[in-house]
């Protein structure tokens, strides 16, 4: 549950930061571009967020 919550929060935060920075967020000269890539990839490591939700639901008996 913690992995799902933290990776989703990291992705939302990185996307918000990207919007705040505007065009500079997409430029590889700034670290924001790398932060977004890293945040999106973490939602895939160890199973996608959807798979994590299914595992949590099974564990809780839902």
N, C-alpha and C. Protein backbone atom coordinates (compact mmCIF):
# COMPACT_ATOMS: atom_id res chain seq x y z
N UNK A 1 0.82 -1.19 0.00
CA UNK A 1 0.00 0.00 0.00
C UNK A 1 0.87 1.26 0.00
N UNK A 2 1.98 1.18 0.72
CA UNK A 2 2.87 2.34 0.79
C UNK A 2 3.50 2.60 -0.56
N UNK A 3 3.90 1.53 -1.27
CA UNK A 3 4.51 1.69 -2.59
C UNK A 3 3.54 2.38 -3.54
N UNK A 4 2.30 1.95 -3.52
CA UNK A 4 1.29 2.54 -4.39
C UNK A 4 1.07 4.01 -4.05
N UNK A 5 0.92 4.31 -2.79
CA UNK A 5 0.66 5.70 -2.37
C UNK A 5 1.83 6.62 -2.70
N UNK A 6 3.05 6.17 -2.40
CA UNK A 6 4.20 7.05 -2.62
C UNK A 6 4.51 7.25 -4.10
N UNK A 7 4.39 6.20 -4.90
CA UNK A 7 4.70 6.37 -6.32
C UNK A 7 3.64 7.24 -7.01
N UNK A 8 2.39 7.08 -6.63
CA UNK A 8 1.35 7.92 -7.22
C UNK A 8 1.53 9.38 -6.80
N UNK A 9 1.90 9.61 -5.55
CA UNK A 9 2.14 10.97 -5.08
C UNK A 9 3.35 11.58 -5.79
N UNK A 10 4.40 10.80 -5.96
CA UNK A 10 5.59 11.30 -6.66
C UNK A 10 5.25 11.68 -8.10
N UNK A 11 4.44 10.85 -8.76
CA UNK A 11 4.06 11.15 -10.14
C UNK A 11 3.22 12.42 -10.21
N UNK A 12 2.25 12.55 -9.32
CA UNK A 12 1.40 13.76 -9.32
C UNK A 12 2.23 15.00 -9.03
N UNK A 13 3.17 14.90 -8.08
CA UNK A 13 4.01 16.03 -7.72
C UNK A 13 4.92 16.42 -8.89
N UNK A 14 5.50 15.45 -9.56
CA UNK A 14 6.38 15.73 -10.70
C UNK A 14 5.59 16.37 -11.84
N UNK A 15 4.38 15.89 -12.09
CA UNK A 15 3.56 16.48 -13.14
C UNK A 15 3.17 17.92 -12.80
N UNK A 16 2.88 18.17 -11.53
CA UNK A 16 2.56 19.53 -11.10
C UNK A 16 3.78 20.44 -11.26
N UNK A 17 4.95 19.94 -10.87
CA UNK A 17 6.18 20.72 -11.04
C UNK A 17 6.46 21.01 -12.50
N UNK A 18 6.17 20.05 -13.35
CA UNK A 18 6.36 20.24 -14.79
C UNK A 18 5.44 21.35 -15.30
N UNK A 19 4.21 21.38 -14.82
CA UNK A 19 3.28 22.42 -15.26
C UNK A 19 3.72 23.79 -14.75
N UNK A 20 4.23 23.83 -13.54
CA UNK A 20 4.69 25.11 -12.98
C UNK A 20 5.86 25.65 -13.78
N UNK A 21 6.78 24.77 -14.17
CA UNK A 21 7.96 25.21 -14.92
C UNK A 21 7.66 25.51 -16.38
N UNK A 22 6.55 25.04 -16.88
CA UNK A 22 6.20 25.29 -18.27
C UNK A 22 7.16 24.60 -19.22
N UNK A 23 7.58 25.31 -20.24
CA UNK A 23 8.47 24.75 -21.26
C UNK A 23 9.82 24.34 -20.71
N UNK A 24 10.28 25.02 -19.66
CA UNK A 24 11.58 24.67 -19.08
C UNK A 24 11.55 23.27 -18.46
N UNK A 25 10.39 22.80 -18.06
CA UNK A 25 10.28 21.47 -17.47
C UNK A 25 10.60 20.36 -18.45
N UNK A 26 10.42 20.63 -19.73
CA UNK A 26 10.69 19.62 -20.76
C UNK A 26 12.13 19.64 -21.24
N UNK A 27 12.85 20.70 -20.93
CA UNK A 27 14.23 20.83 -21.39
C UNK A 27 15.14 19.93 -20.57
N UNK A 28 16.02 19.21 -21.24
CA UNK A 28 16.90 18.27 -20.55
C UNK A 28 18.00 19.00 -19.75
N UNK A 29 18.14 20.31 -19.92
CA UNK A 29 19.13 21.06 -19.16
C UNK A 29 18.71 21.23 -17.70
N UNK A 30 17.42 21.06 -17.43
CA UNK A 30 16.90 21.23 -16.08
C UNK A 30 16.54 19.87 -15.49
N UNK A 31 16.73 19.70 -14.18
CA UNK A 31 16.49 18.39 -13.56
C UNK A 31 15.02 17.97 -13.53
N UNK A 32 14.09 18.88 -13.78
CA UNK A 32 12.66 18.53 -13.71
C UNK A 32 12.31 17.43 -14.70
N UNK A 33 12.92 17.46 -15.86
CA UNK A 33 12.65 16.44 -16.88
C UNK A 33 13.03 15.06 -16.37
N UNK A 34 14.16 14.97 -15.69
CA UNK A 34 14.62 13.69 -15.13
C UNK A 34 13.73 13.26 -13.97
N UNK A 35 13.29 14.22 -13.16
CA UNK A 35 12.40 13.89 -12.04
C UNK A 35 11.10 13.27 -12.54
N UNK A 36 10.55 13.83 -13.61
CA UNK A 36 9.30 13.29 -14.15
C UNK A 36 9.51 11.89 -14.68
N UNK A 37 10.59 11.69 -15.44
CA UNK A 37 10.86 10.34 -15.95
C UNK A 37 11.01 9.34 -14.82
N UNK A 38 11.74 9.71 -13.79
CA UNK A 38 11.95 8.81 -12.66
C UNK A 38 10.64 8.51 -11.93
N UNK A 39 9.81 9.52 -11.76
CA UNK A 39 8.55 9.33 -11.04
C UNK A 39 7.61 8.42 -11.81
N UNK A 40 7.55 8.59 -13.13
CA UNK A 40 6.65 7.76 -13.94
C UNK A 40 7.15 6.31 -13.96
N UNK A 41 8.44 6.13 -14.03
CA UNK A 41 8.99 4.78 -14.08
C UNK A 41 8.76 4.04 -12.75
N UNK A 42 8.78 4.76 -11.64
CA UNK A 42 8.57 4.09 -10.35
C UNK A 42 7.18 3.50 -10.22
N UNK A 43 6.21 4.02 -10.97
CA UNK A 43 4.87 3.43 -10.92
C UNK A 43 4.83 2.09 -11.64
N UNK A 44 5.89 1.78 -12.40
CA UNK A 44 5.95 0.52 -13.14
C UNK A 44 6.79 -0.51 -12.41
N UNK A 45 7.83 -0.08 -11.69
CA UNK A 45 8.71 -1.01 -10.96
C UNK A 45 7.89 -1.84 -9.98
N UNK A 46 8.17 -3.12 -9.92
CA UNK A 46 7.51 -3.98 -8.95
C UNK A 46 6.03 -4.20 -9.22
N UNK A 47 5.60 -3.94 -10.41
CA UNK A 47 4.19 -4.09 -10.76
C UNK A 47 3.56 -2.73 -10.96
N UNK A 48 2.72 -2.65 -11.96
CA UNK A 48 2.07 -1.37 -12.23
C UNK A 48 1.12 -1.01 -11.10
N UNK A 49 0.70 0.24 -11.08
CA UNK A 49 -0.22 0.69 -10.03
C UNK A 49 -1.51 -0.10 -10.05
N UNK A 50 -1.98 -0.47 -11.23
CA UNK A 50 -3.21 -1.24 -11.33
C UNK A 50 -3.04 -2.63 -10.71
N UNK A 51 -1.90 -3.25 -10.94
CA UNK A 51 -1.64 -4.56 -10.35
C UNK A 51 -1.53 -4.43 -8.83
N UNK A 52 -0.87 -3.37 -8.37
CA UNK A 52 -0.77 -3.13 -6.93
C UNK A 52 -2.16 -2.98 -6.31
N UNK A 53 -3.06 -2.28 -6.99
CA UNK A 53 -4.43 -2.11 -6.48
C UNK A 53 -5.14 -3.46 -6.40
N UNK A 54 -4.93 -4.30 -7.39
CA UNK A 54 -5.55 -5.64 -7.37
C UNK A 54 -5.01 -6.47 -6.21
N UNK A 55 -3.72 -6.42 -5.98
CA UNK A 55 -3.11 -7.17 -4.89
C UNK A 55 -3.65 -6.69 -3.55
N UNK A 56 -3.75 -5.38 -3.39
CA UNK A 56 -4.28 -4.81 -2.13
C UNK A 56 -5.73 -5.24 -1.93
N UNK A 57 -6.52 -5.19 -2.99
CA UNK A 57 -7.93 -5.58 -2.89
C UNK A 57 -8.06 -7.05 -2.50
N UNK A 58 -7.25 -7.92 -3.08
CA UNK A 58 -7.29 -9.34 -2.72
C UNK A 58 -6.88 -9.55 -1.29
N UNK A 59 -5.86 -8.83 -0.84
CA UNK A 59 -5.39 -8.95 0.53
C UNK A 59 -6.47 -8.52 1.53
N UNK A 60 -7.22 -7.48 1.18
CA UNK A 60 -8.28 -6.99 2.05
C UNK A 60 -9.58 -7.75 1.89
N UNK A 61 -9.62 -8.68 0.93
CA UNK A 61 -10.82 -9.46 0.71
C UNK A 61 -11.91 -8.72 -0.03
N UNK A 62 -11.53 -7.77 -0.85
CA UNK A 62 -12.52 -7.00 -1.62
C UNK A 62 -12.73 -7.56 -3.00
